[in-house]
N, C-alpha and C. Protein backbone atom coordinates (compact mmCIF):
# COMPACT_ATOMS: atom_id res chain seq x y z
N MET A 1 79.54 120.78 101.06
CA MET A 1 78.43 119.62 101.49
C MET A 1 79.94 119.05 102.74
N LYS A 2 78.99 118.18 104.05
CA LYS A 2 79.69 117.89 104.59
C LYS A 2 80.17 116.43 104.50
N ILE A 3 81.69 116.04 104.98
CA ILE A 3 82.15 115.16 104.40
C ILE A 3 82.41 114.00 105.69
N PRO A 4 81.08 112.77 105.54
CA PRO A 4 81.32 112.08 106.24
C PRO A 4 82.40 111.40 107.49
N GLY A 5 82.23 111.03 108.66
CA GLY A 5 83.21 111.25 109.71
C GLY A 5 83.97 109.76 109.44
N GLN A 6 83.51 109.08 108.69
CA GLN A 6 84.63 107.82 108.44
C GLN A 6 85.43 107.83 107.07
N LEU A 7 85.23 108.72 106.65
CA LEU A 7 86.08 109.14 105.32
C LEU A 7 87.20 110.10 105.65
N PRO A 8 87.92 110.75 105.15
CA PRO A 8 89.36 111.61 105.49
C PRO A 8 88.58 113.25 105.47
N GLN A 9 89.20 113.90 106.73
CA GLN A 9 88.50 114.98 106.67
C GLN A 9 89.76 116.29 106.33
N PHE A 10 90.63 115.72 105.68
CA PHE A 10 91.65 116.91 105.02
C PHE A 10 91.90 118.19 105.56
N GLU A 11 92.30 117.44 107.06
CA GLU A 11 92.47 118.81 108.24
C GLU A 11 93.73 119.69 107.80
N ASN A 12 94.68 119.05 107.15
CA ASN A 12 96.15 119.55 107.33
C ASN A 12 96.57 120.19 105.79
N TYR A 13 95.40 120.01 104.74
CA TYR A 13 96.21 121.08 103.92
C TYR A 13 94.87 120.94 103.06
N PRO A 14 94.23 121.75 101.60
CA PRO A 14 93.43 121.29 100.83
C PRO A 14 93.81 120.59 99.74
N THR A 15 93.11 120.02 99.38
CA THR A 15 92.96 118.78 98.38
C THR A 15 92.12 119.30 96.77
N LEU A 16 92.51 119.32 96.16
CA LEU A 16 91.72 119.24 94.48
C LEU A 16 91.00 118.53 94.01
N PHE A 17 89.83 118.31 94.08
CA PHE A 17 89.27 116.77 93.23
C PHE A 17 88.43 117.26 92.00
N ILE A 18 89.04 116.83 91.06
CA ILE A 18 88.43 117.20 89.58
C ILE A 18 87.90 116.19 89.12
N THR A 19 86.89 116.33 88.60
CA THR A 19 85.93 115.46 87.80
C THR A 19 85.79 116.00 86.33
N SER A 20 86.11 115.52 85.36
CA SER A 20 85.94 116.08 83.88
C SER A 20 85.32 115.11 82.89
N GLY A 21 84.80 115.15 81.78
CA GLY A 21 84.15 115.12 80.81
C GLY A 21 84.92 115.84 79.46
N GLU A 22 84.58 115.27 78.36
CA GLU A 22 84.68 116.13 77.33
C GLU A 22 84.89 117.46 77.18
N TYR A 23 83.77 117.63 77.76
CA TYR A 23 83.46 119.39 77.43
C TYR A 23 83.06 120.41 78.79
N GLU A 24 82.99 119.28 79.86
CA GLU A 24 82.77 119.86 81.08
C GLU A 24 83.66 119.38 82.15
N ALA A 25 83.89 120.46 83.20
CA ALA A 25 84.58 119.91 84.45
C ALA A 25 84.03 120.17 85.50
N ASP A 26 83.83 119.97 86.99
CA ASP A 26 83.76 120.46 88.34
C ASP A 26 85.13 120.47 89.10
N PHE A 27 85.46 121.30 89.35
CA PHE A 27 86.87 121.28 90.22
C PHE A 27 85.87 121.46 92.25
N PHE A 28 86.26 120.56 92.77
CA PHE A 28 85.36 120.71 94.29
C PHE A 28 87.07 120.69 95.09
N LEU A 29 86.44 121.52 96.14
CA LEU A 29 87.87 121.45 97.30
C LEU A 29 87.54 120.73 98.77
N ALA A 30 88.29 119.94 99.02
CA ALA A 30 88.07 119.34 100.33
C ALA A 30 88.39 119.89 101.46
N LEU A 31 88.75 120.55 102.54
CA LEU A 31 89.15 121.02 103.33
C LEU A 31 88.56 121.03 104.66
N ASN A 32 88.75 120.75 105.86
CA ASN A 32 88.64 120.77 107.09
C ASN A 32 86.74 119.90 107.33
N GLY A 33 86.63 118.80 106.39
CA GLY A 33 85.59 118.03 106.42
C GLY A 33 84.65 118.33 105.51
N VAL A 34 84.80 119.67 104.92
CA VAL A 34 83.99 119.96 103.48
C VAL A 34 84.15 120.03 102.01
N LEU A 35 83.42 119.29 101.00
CA LEU A 35 83.57 119.20 100.46
C LEU A 35 82.74 120.49 99.33
N GLU A 36 83.46 120.82 99.08
CA GLU A 36 83.01 122.40 98.04
C GLU A 36 83.34 122.64 96.73
N LEU A 37 81.94 122.76 95.81
CA LEU A 37 82.30 123.21 94.68
C LEU A 37 82.82 124.20 94.51
N LYS A 38 83.56 124.36 93.79
CA LYS A 38 84.09 126.11 93.40
C LYS A 38 84.24 126.19 92.12
N GLU A 39 84.36 125.64 91.24
CA GLU A 39 84.20 126.04 89.64
C GLU A 39 83.79 125.04 88.90
N GLN A 40 83.29 125.25 87.76
CA GLN A 40 82.58 124.57 86.86
C GLN A 40 83.01 125.28 85.27
N ILE A 41 82.94 124.53 84.60
CA ILE A 41 83.63 124.52 83.47
C ILE A 41 82.63 123.63 82.59
N LYS A 42 81.34 124.31 81.68
CA LYS A 42 80.59 123.43 80.87
C LYS A 42 80.55 124.30 79.16
N MET A 43 80.96 123.84 78.35
CA MET A 43 80.90 124.29 77.19
C MET A 43 80.27 122.79 75.92
N PRO A 44 78.93 123.29 75.99
CA PRO A 44 78.01 122.54 75.26
C PRO A 44 78.47 122.97 73.53
N SER A 45 78.37 121.57 73.04
CA SER A 45 78.66 121.93 71.62
C SER A 45 77.17 122.33 70.97
N ARG A 46 77.49 122.89 70.02
CA ARG A 46 76.54 123.56 69.04
C ARG A 46 75.55 123.06 68.54
N GLU A 47 74.14 123.00 68.73
CA GLU A 47 73.06 122.09 68.17
C GLU A 47 73.39 122.12 66.52
N GLU A 48 73.36 122.97 66.24
CA GLU A 48 73.45 123.41 64.69
C GLU A 48 74.45 122.57 64.31
N ALA A 49 75.64 122.56 64.90
CA ALA A 49 77.31 121.72 64.42
C ALA A 49 77.01 120.40 64.43
N LYS A 50 75.68 119.98 65.19
CA LYS A 50 75.66 118.35 65.27
C LYS A 50 75.28 117.39 63.88
N GLU A 51 74.67 118.52 63.21
CA GLU A 51 73.99 117.92 61.77
C GLU A 51 75.08 118.54 60.69
N LYS A 52 75.18 117.54 59.84
CA LYS A 52 75.76 118.00 58.60
C LYS A 52 74.88 118.89 57.83
N GLN A 53 75.76 120.15 57.93
CA GLN A 53 75.64 121.88 57.23
C GLN A 53 75.32 121.78 56.02
N SER A 54 74.77 121.98 55.13
CA SER A 54 75.28 121.98 53.73
C SER A 54 74.55 123.15 52.33
N PHE A 55 75.18 123.63 52.05
CA PHE A 55 74.59 124.65 50.89
C PHE A 55 75.14 124.20 49.26
N VAL A 56 74.20 123.87 48.67
CA VAL A 56 74.31 123.53 47.32
C VAL A 56 73.52 124.71 46.55
N ASN A 57 74.33 124.92 45.55
CA ASN A 57 73.72 126.28 44.57
C ASN A 57 73.98 125.57 43.46
N GLU A 58 73.60 126.04 42.37
CA GLU A 58 73.58 125.48 40.92
C GLU A 58 73.95 126.58 40.12
N SER A 59 75.20 126.81 39.35
CA SER A 59 75.76 127.84 38.68
C SER A 59 76.42 127.63 37.21
N ARG A 60 75.74 127.87 35.99
CA ARG A 60 76.06 127.45 34.65
C ARG A 60 76.10 126.11 34.54
N GLY A 61 75.32 125.03 34.96
CA GLY A 61 75.47 123.78 34.86
C GLY A 61 76.05 123.04 35.90
N TYR A 62 77.04 123.87 37.00
CA TYR A 62 77.60 123.30 37.57
C TYR A 62 76.97 123.26 39.13
N GLU A 63 77.01 122.43 39.85
CA GLU A 63 76.68 122.59 41.23
C GLU A 63 77.59 122.86 42.07
N LEU A 64 77.78 123.74 42.71
CA LEU A 64 78.64 124.56 43.61
C LEU A 64 77.92 124.11 45.21
N GLY A 65 79.11 123.51 46.44
CA GLY A 65 77.94 123.77 47.24
C GLY A 65 79.40 123.78 48.59
N ALA A 66 79.05 124.05 49.77
CA ALA A 66 79.85 123.67 50.83
C ALA A 66 79.38 123.24 52.40
N THR A 67 80.09 122.60 53.09
CA THR A 67 79.61 121.78 54.15
C THR A 67 80.30 122.36 55.47
N SER A 68 79.71 122.39 56.15
CA SER A 68 80.19 122.86 57.70
C SER A 68 81.53 121.86 58.29
N HIS A 69 82.59 122.30 58.61
CA HIS A 69 83.70 121.63 59.06
C HIS A 69 83.52 120.86 60.53
N LEU A 70 82.62 120.08 61.10
CA LEU A 70 82.07 119.52 62.18
C LEU A 70 83.42 119.54 63.11
N GLU A 71 84.42 118.92 62.52
CA GLU A 71 85.74 118.25 63.00
C GLU A 71 86.37 119.22 63.82
N ARG A 72 86.46 120.50 62.82
CA ARG A 72 87.39 121.16 63.16
C ARG A 72 86.37 122.30 64.30
N TYR A 73 85.27 122.49 64.17
CA TYR A 73 84.58 122.66 65.38
C TYR A 73 84.70 122.17 66.90
N HIS A 74 84.71 120.98 66.86
CA HIS A 74 85.17 119.99 68.43
C HIS A 74 86.23 120.04 68.26
N GLU A 75 87.37 120.31 67.76
CA GLU A 75 88.59 119.92 67.85
C GLU A 75 89.08 121.54 68.48
N ASP A 76 88.37 123.02 68.35
CA ASP A 76 88.67 124.16 68.79
C ASP A 76 87.80 124.09 70.02
N LEU A 77 86.86 123.87 69.90
CA LEU A 77 86.08 123.66 71.37
C LEU A 77 86.85 122.95 72.30
N LYS A 78 87.55 121.45 72.03
CA LYS A 78 88.36 120.79 73.12
C LYS A 78 89.39 121.90 73.45
N LYS A 79 90.41 123.03 72.36
CA LYS A 79 91.16 123.41 72.76
C LYS A 79 90.91 124.32 73.91
N LYS A 80 89.49 125.05 73.61
CA LYS A 80 89.34 125.96 74.30
C LYS A 80 88.80 125.54 75.85
N PHE A 81 88.67 124.41 76.16
CA PHE A 81 88.26 123.79 76.91
C PHE A 81 89.38 123.61 78.03
N GLN A 82 90.62 123.07 77.31
CA GLN A 82 91.81 122.78 78.33
C GLN A 82 92.39 124.17 78.64
N LYS A 83 92.27 125.59 77.61
CA LYS A 83 92.90 126.39 78.08
C LYS A 83 92.15 126.87 79.47
N LYS A 84 91.31 126.66 79.34
CA LYS A 84 89.86 127.21 80.64
C LYS A 84 90.58 126.17 81.60
N PHE A 85 90.61 125.17 81.32
CA PHE A 85 91.08 124.15 82.31
C PHE A 85 92.68 124.28 83.43
N HIS A 86 93.17 124.60 82.07
CA HIS A 86 94.75 124.58 82.40
C HIS A 86 95.12 125.73 83.66
N ALA A 87 93.74 126.96 83.02
CA ALA A 87 93.65 128.74 83.40
C ALA A 87 93.39 128.35 85.18
N LEU A 88 92.49 127.27 85.37
CA LEU A 88 91.19 127.52 86.60
C LEU A 88 92.62 126.11 87.62
N THR A 89 93.50 125.39 86.83
CA THR A 89 94.36 125.11 87.93
C THR A 89 94.98 125.59 88.43
N HIS A 90 95.92 126.01 87.45
CA HIS A 90 97.10 127.24 87.57
C HIS A 90 96.13 128.23 89.16
N ASP A 91 95.44 128.75 88.59
CA ASP A 91 94.50 129.37 89.66
C ASP A 91 94.29 129.03 90.91
N PHE A 92 93.51 128.09 91.27
CA PHE A 92 93.57 127.26 92.56
C PHE A 92 95.16 127.07 93.52
N LEU A 93 96.05 126.08 92.34
CA LEU A 93 97.53 126.21 93.27
C LEU A 93 97.92 127.68 93.33
N ALA A 94 97.73 128.38 92.95
CA ALA A 94 98.14 130.24 93.22
C ALA A 94 97.60 130.99 94.86
N ASP A 95 96.31 130.24 94.33
CA ASP A 95 95.15 130.65 95.35
C ASP A 95 95.78 129.74 96.68
N TYR A 96 96.22 128.15 96.80
CA TYR A 96 96.30 127.59 97.78
C TYR A 96 97.35 126.83 97.27
N LEU A 97 98.52 128.00 98.05
CA LEU A 97 99.84 127.61 98.13
C LEU A 97 100.31 126.10 98.98
N ASN A 98 99.54 125.84 99.79
CA ASN A 98 100.00 124.41 100.43
C ASN A 98 98.98 123.42 100.13
N MET A 99 98.29 123.30 98.70
CA MET A 99 97.95 122.23 98.36
C MET A 99 98.76 121.45 97.84
N GLN A 100 98.50 120.12 98.36
CA GLN A 100 99.56 119.03 97.91
C GLN A 100 99.17 117.85 97.05
N GLU A 101 98.04 117.94 96.98
CA GLU A 101 97.92 116.78 96.36
C GLU A 101 96.22 117.00 95.35
N ILE A 102 96.34 116.33 94.07
CA ILE A 102 94.95 116.59 93.25
C ILE A 102 94.59 115.28 92.28
N TYR A 103 93.62 115.37 92.58
CA TYR A 103 92.90 114.01 92.17
C TYR A 103 91.81 113.83 91.36
N ILE A 104 92.04 113.15 89.86
CA ILE A 104 91.22 113.50 88.84
C ILE A 104 90.39 112.34 88.45
N PHE A 105 89.20 113.04 87.86
CA PHE A 105 88.18 111.63 87.77
C PHE A 105 87.51 112.01 86.22
N ALA A 106 88.46 111.05 85.07
CA ALA A 106 88.03 111.62 84.01
C ALA A 106 88.54 110.01 83.32
N PRO A 107 87.47 110.08 81.67
CA PRO A 107 88.27 108.73 80.76
C PRO A 107 89.72 109.18 80.22
N ALA A 108 90.25 107.98 80.03
CA ALA A 108 91.81 108.12 79.94
C ALA A 108 92.58 109.16 78.72
N PHE A 109 91.57 108.96 77.76
CA PHE A 109 91.74 110.12 76.47
C PHE A 109 91.64 111.04 76.99
N VAL A 110 90.53 111.64 77.66
CA VAL A 110 90.30 112.89 78.78
C VAL A 110 91.88 113.45 79.51
N VAL A 111 92.06 112.56 80.52
CA VAL A 111 93.34 113.30 81.42
C VAL A 111 94.47 113.04 80.47
N ALA A 112 94.65 112.39 79.57
CA ALA A 112 95.62 112.78 78.56
C ALA A 112 96.07 114.08 78.27
N ASN A 113 94.85 114.54 77.39
CA ASN A 113 94.32 115.65 77.21
C ASN A 113 94.35 117.15 77.79
N LEU A 114 94.19 116.82 78.95
CA LEU A 114 94.05 117.88 80.18
C LEU A 114 95.48 117.75 80.67
N GLU A 115 96.41 116.45 80.76
CA GLU A 115 97.97 116.93 81.65
C GLU A 115 98.74 117.51 80.42
N LYS A 116 98.21 117.65 79.06
CA LYS A 116 99.57 118.50 78.33
C LYS A 116 100.00 119.63 78.70
N GLY A 117 99.05 120.93 78.80
CA GLY A 117 99.23 121.84 79.19
C GLY A 117 99.95 122.27 80.87
N LEU A 118 100.08 121.33 81.64
CA LEU A 118 100.36 121.15 82.95
C LEU A 118 101.87 121.47 83.05
N SER A 119 102.50 122.10 84.15
CA SER A 119 103.98 122.35 84.29
C SER A 119 104.12 121.11 85.02
N LYS A 120 105.36 120.80 85.00
CA LYS A 120 106.22 119.64 85.72
C LYS A 120 105.48 119.50 87.20
N PRO A 121 105.92 120.66 88.13
CA PRO A 121 105.48 120.92 89.58
C PRO A 121 104.09 120.41 89.46
N GLU A 122 103.63 120.85 88.61
CA GLU A 122 101.70 120.73 88.73
C GLU A 122 101.31 119.19 88.33
N LEU A 123 102.36 118.37 87.44
CA LEU A 123 101.79 117.39 87.04
C LEU A 123 101.95 116.78 88.59
N LYS A 124 103.23 116.91 89.41
CA LYS A 124 103.88 116.12 90.33
C LYS A 124 102.64 116.09 91.18
N LYS A 125 102.09 116.90 91.77
CA LYS A 125 100.47 117.13 92.74
C LYS A 125 99.61 116.13 92.37
N ILE A 126 99.68 115.53 91.06
CA ILE A 126 98.59 114.79 90.63
C ILE A 126 99.05 113.38 91.55
N ARG A 127 98.09 113.06 92.26
CA ARG A 127 97.88 112.07 92.95
C ARG A 127 97.99 110.75 92.28
N MET A 128 96.45 110.94 92.27
CA MET A 128 96.24 109.32 91.48
C MET A 128 94.87 110.29 90.80
N LYS A 129 94.99 109.29 89.48
CA LYS A 129 94.13 109.48 88.11
C LYS A 129 93.09 108.20 88.53
N PHE A 130 91.70 108.27 88.15
CA PHE A 130 90.78 107.47 88.38
C PHE A 130 89.67 107.39 86.50
N PHE A 131 90.04 106.56 86.00
CA PHE A 131 89.81 106.74 84.61
C PHE A 131 88.52 106.33 84.43
N LYS A 132 87.40 107.15 85.59
CA LYS A 132 85.95 107.21 84.88
C LYS A 132 85.53 108.97 85.65
N GLU A 133 84.34 108.77 84.30
CA GLU A 133 84.03 109.98 84.76
C GLU A 133 82.60 110.37 85.60
N GLU A 134 82.71 110.87 86.85
CA GLU A 134 81.76 111.68 87.79
C GLU A 134 80.96 112.48 87.78
N ILE A 135 81.09 112.81 86.34
CA ILE A 135 80.55 114.04 86.38
C ILE A 135 78.98 114.34 87.05
N LYS A 136 78.51 113.42 86.93
CA LYS A 136 76.89 113.10 86.76
C LYS A 136 76.53 112.75 88.31
N GLU A 137 77.47 111.83 88.72
CA GLU A 137 77.36 111.08 89.90
C GLU A 137 77.39 112.52 91.57
N ASN A 138 77.35 111.38 92.63
CA ASN A 138 77.62 112.39 93.96
C ASN A 138 79.21 112.66 94.10
N PRO A 139 79.12 114.10 94.58
CA PRO A 139 80.71 114.14 94.56
C PRO A 139 81.39 113.38 95.71
N LEU A 140 80.31 113.16 96.36
CA LEU A 140 81.37 112.27 98.05
C LEU A 140 81.62 110.99 97.30
N GLU A 141 81.18 110.54 96.27
CA GLU A 141 81.56 109.33 95.80
C GLU A 141 82.89 109.38 95.29
N MET A 142 83.62 110.56 94.79
CA MET A 142 84.92 110.68 94.42
C MET A 142 85.90 110.25 95.55
N ILE A 143 85.60 110.79 96.64
CA ILE A 143 86.03 110.91 98.23
C ILE A 143 85.74 108.93 98.45
N ARG A 144 85.11 108.71 98.19
CA ARG A 144 84.82 107.45 99.00
C ARG A 144 85.87 106.20 97.52
N ARG A 145 85.92 106.46 96.68
CA ARG A 145 86.53 105.89 95.72
C ARG A 145 88.00 105.76 95.77
N PHE A 146 88.63 107.27 96.14
CA PHE A 146 89.72 107.96 96.69
C PHE A 146 89.83 106.57 97.66
N TRP A 147 89.59 106.84 99.03
CA TRP A 147 89.69 106.44 100.21
C TRP A 147 89.89 104.95 99.76
N LYS A 148 88.88 104.37 99.44
CA LYS A 148 89.14 102.92 99.20
C LYS A 148 90.46 102.28 98.39
N THR A 149 90.29 103.06 97.39
CA THR A 149 91.88 102.64 96.61
C THR A 149 93.36 102.88 97.25
N GLU A 150 93.03 103.93 98.64
CA GLU A 150 94.25 104.09 99.22
C GLU A 150 94.29 103.13 100.28
N GLN A 151 93.33 102.92 101.08
CA GLN A 151 93.19 101.97 102.19
C GLN A 151 93.66 100.43 101.36
N LYS A 152 93.45 99.91 100.22
CA LYS A 152 93.68 98.66 99.53
C LYS A 152 95.69 99.15 98.99
N ALA A 153 95.79 99.79 98.74
CA ALA A 153 97.76 100.42 98.40
C ALA A 153 98.27 100.49 99.89
N ILE A 154 97.74 100.28 101.08
CA ILE A 154 98.03 100.69 102.54
C ILE A 154 98.05 98.99 102.93
N ASN A 155 96.94 98.48 102.97
CA ASN A 155 96.66 97.21 103.37
C ASN A 155 96.23 96.33 102.21
N PRO A 156 97.32 95.48 101.52
CA PRO A 156 97.11 94.70 100.60
C PRO A 156 96.70 93.27 101.16
N ASP A 157 96.18 92.39 100.30
CA ASP A 157 95.38 91.19 100.73
C ASP A 157 96.86 90.33 100.85
N PRO A 158 96.65 89.24 101.78
CA PRO A 158 97.76 88.95 102.57
C PRO A 158 98.49 87.67 101.39
N PRO A 159 99.57 87.63 101.11
CA PRO A 159 100.23 87.02 100.24
C PRO A 159 99.63 85.35 100.01
N ILE A 160 99.43 84.62 99.01
CA ILE A 160 99.21 83.34 99.16
C ILE A 160 100.31 82.52 99.87
N LYS A 161 99.92 81.48 100.65
CA LYS A 161 100.74 80.55 101.15
C LYS A 161 101.41 79.40 100.24
N ASP A 162 102.23 78.80 100.44
CA ASP A 162 103.02 77.79 99.89
C ASP A 162 101.66 76.53 99.64
N VAL A 163 101.46 76.23 101.03
CA VAL A 163 100.39 75.36 100.58
C VAL A 163 99.14 75.75 100.23
N GLU A 164 98.85 76.59 100.28
CA GLU A 164 97.54 77.19 99.26
C GLU A 164 97.80 76.94 98.11
N LYS A 165 99.33 77.63 97.95
CA LYS A 165 99.74 77.65 95.46
C LYS A 165 99.59 76.03 95.18
N LYS A 166 99.87 74.52 96.48
CA LYS A 166 99.63 73.75 95.81
C LYS A 166 98.59 73.29 96.07
N ILE A 167 97.58 73.08 97.10
CA ILE A 167 96.01 73.09 96.78
C ILE A 167 95.44 73.47 95.42
N LEU A 168 96.16 74.85 95.15
CA LEU A 168 94.98 75.83 93.93
C LEU A 168 95.85 74.94 92.95
N GLN A 169 96.75 74.49 92.62
CA GLN A 169 97.87 73.99 91.23
C GLN A 169 97.25 72.33 90.64
N LYS A 170 96.53 71.76 92.06
CA LYS A 170 96.37 70.36 92.01
C LYS A 170 94.88 70.49 90.61
N PRO A 171 95.01 69.53 89.70
CA PRO A 171 93.65 69.55 88.94
C PRO A 171 92.70 69.33 90.05
N ARG A 172 91.50 69.37 89.27
CA ARG A 172 90.19 69.18 90.28
C ARG A 172 89.64 67.59 89.60
N GLN A 173 89.43 66.96 90.41
CA GLN A 173 89.20 65.35 90.04
C GLN A 173 87.68 65.20 90.33
N GLY A 174 86.65 63.97 89.25
CA GLY A 174 85.72 64.08 89.76
C GLY A 174 85.20 64.07 88.52
N LYS A 175 83.46 63.76 88.30
CA LYS A 175 82.84 63.55 87.37
C LYS A 175 82.26 65.01 86.27
N ASN A 176 82.95 65.87 87.10
CA ASN A 176 82.55 67.57 86.36
C ASN A 176 83.48 67.93 85.51
N LEU A 177 84.70 67.20 85.19
CA LEU A 177 85.86 67.48 84.52
C LEU A 177 85.46 66.92 82.84
N HIS A 178 85.65 67.53 82.12
CA HIS A 178 85.92 67.41 80.46
C HIS A 178 87.07 67.03 80.36
N LYS A 179 86.69 65.59 79.26
CA LYS A 179 88.00 65.10 78.63
C LYS A 179 88.24 65.84 77.42
N ILE A 180 89.43 65.94 77.08
CA ILE A 180 90.02 66.52 75.79
C ILE A 180 90.22 65.38 74.88
N PRO A 181 89.94 64.99 74.05
CA PRO A 181 91.09 64.17 73.13
C PRO A 181 92.32 63.92 72.62
């Protein structure tokens, strides 16, 4: 997918954009004005694991039963997802040695889980984290959001002048004021 001209074109070095949810992730590589989906991880949870599974049997007047361990299944699925995520991240950094920046778009708790398995040099390459899941949105929205944030950091709003502070500190006078007894 071609990146519009008003957005950065990533001509100097490749940049990795990762958007992730709890069980799925998309890896996009931006280079020379093109944003390309390189890899996807999708680990859908089992349909039968969503319901409570149980087996109840009666033997010699006693009820015997077993239930599924839904939480254990989900934890195992998260660990498998983390393992695949880390393997793909390592592979990208090995394939593109001049890659200097990684941008992650995921909920805060997912970012914390994903960072656990990365080494210190890999963690240093994570330039920004956006705590919003962009899995189902247009991939160019990630670049727009990154660009807006970077522009705000470069050109912050001018500081408030002393005269403006005085005006803002004055209480408002008039009919609309509510008197507190």
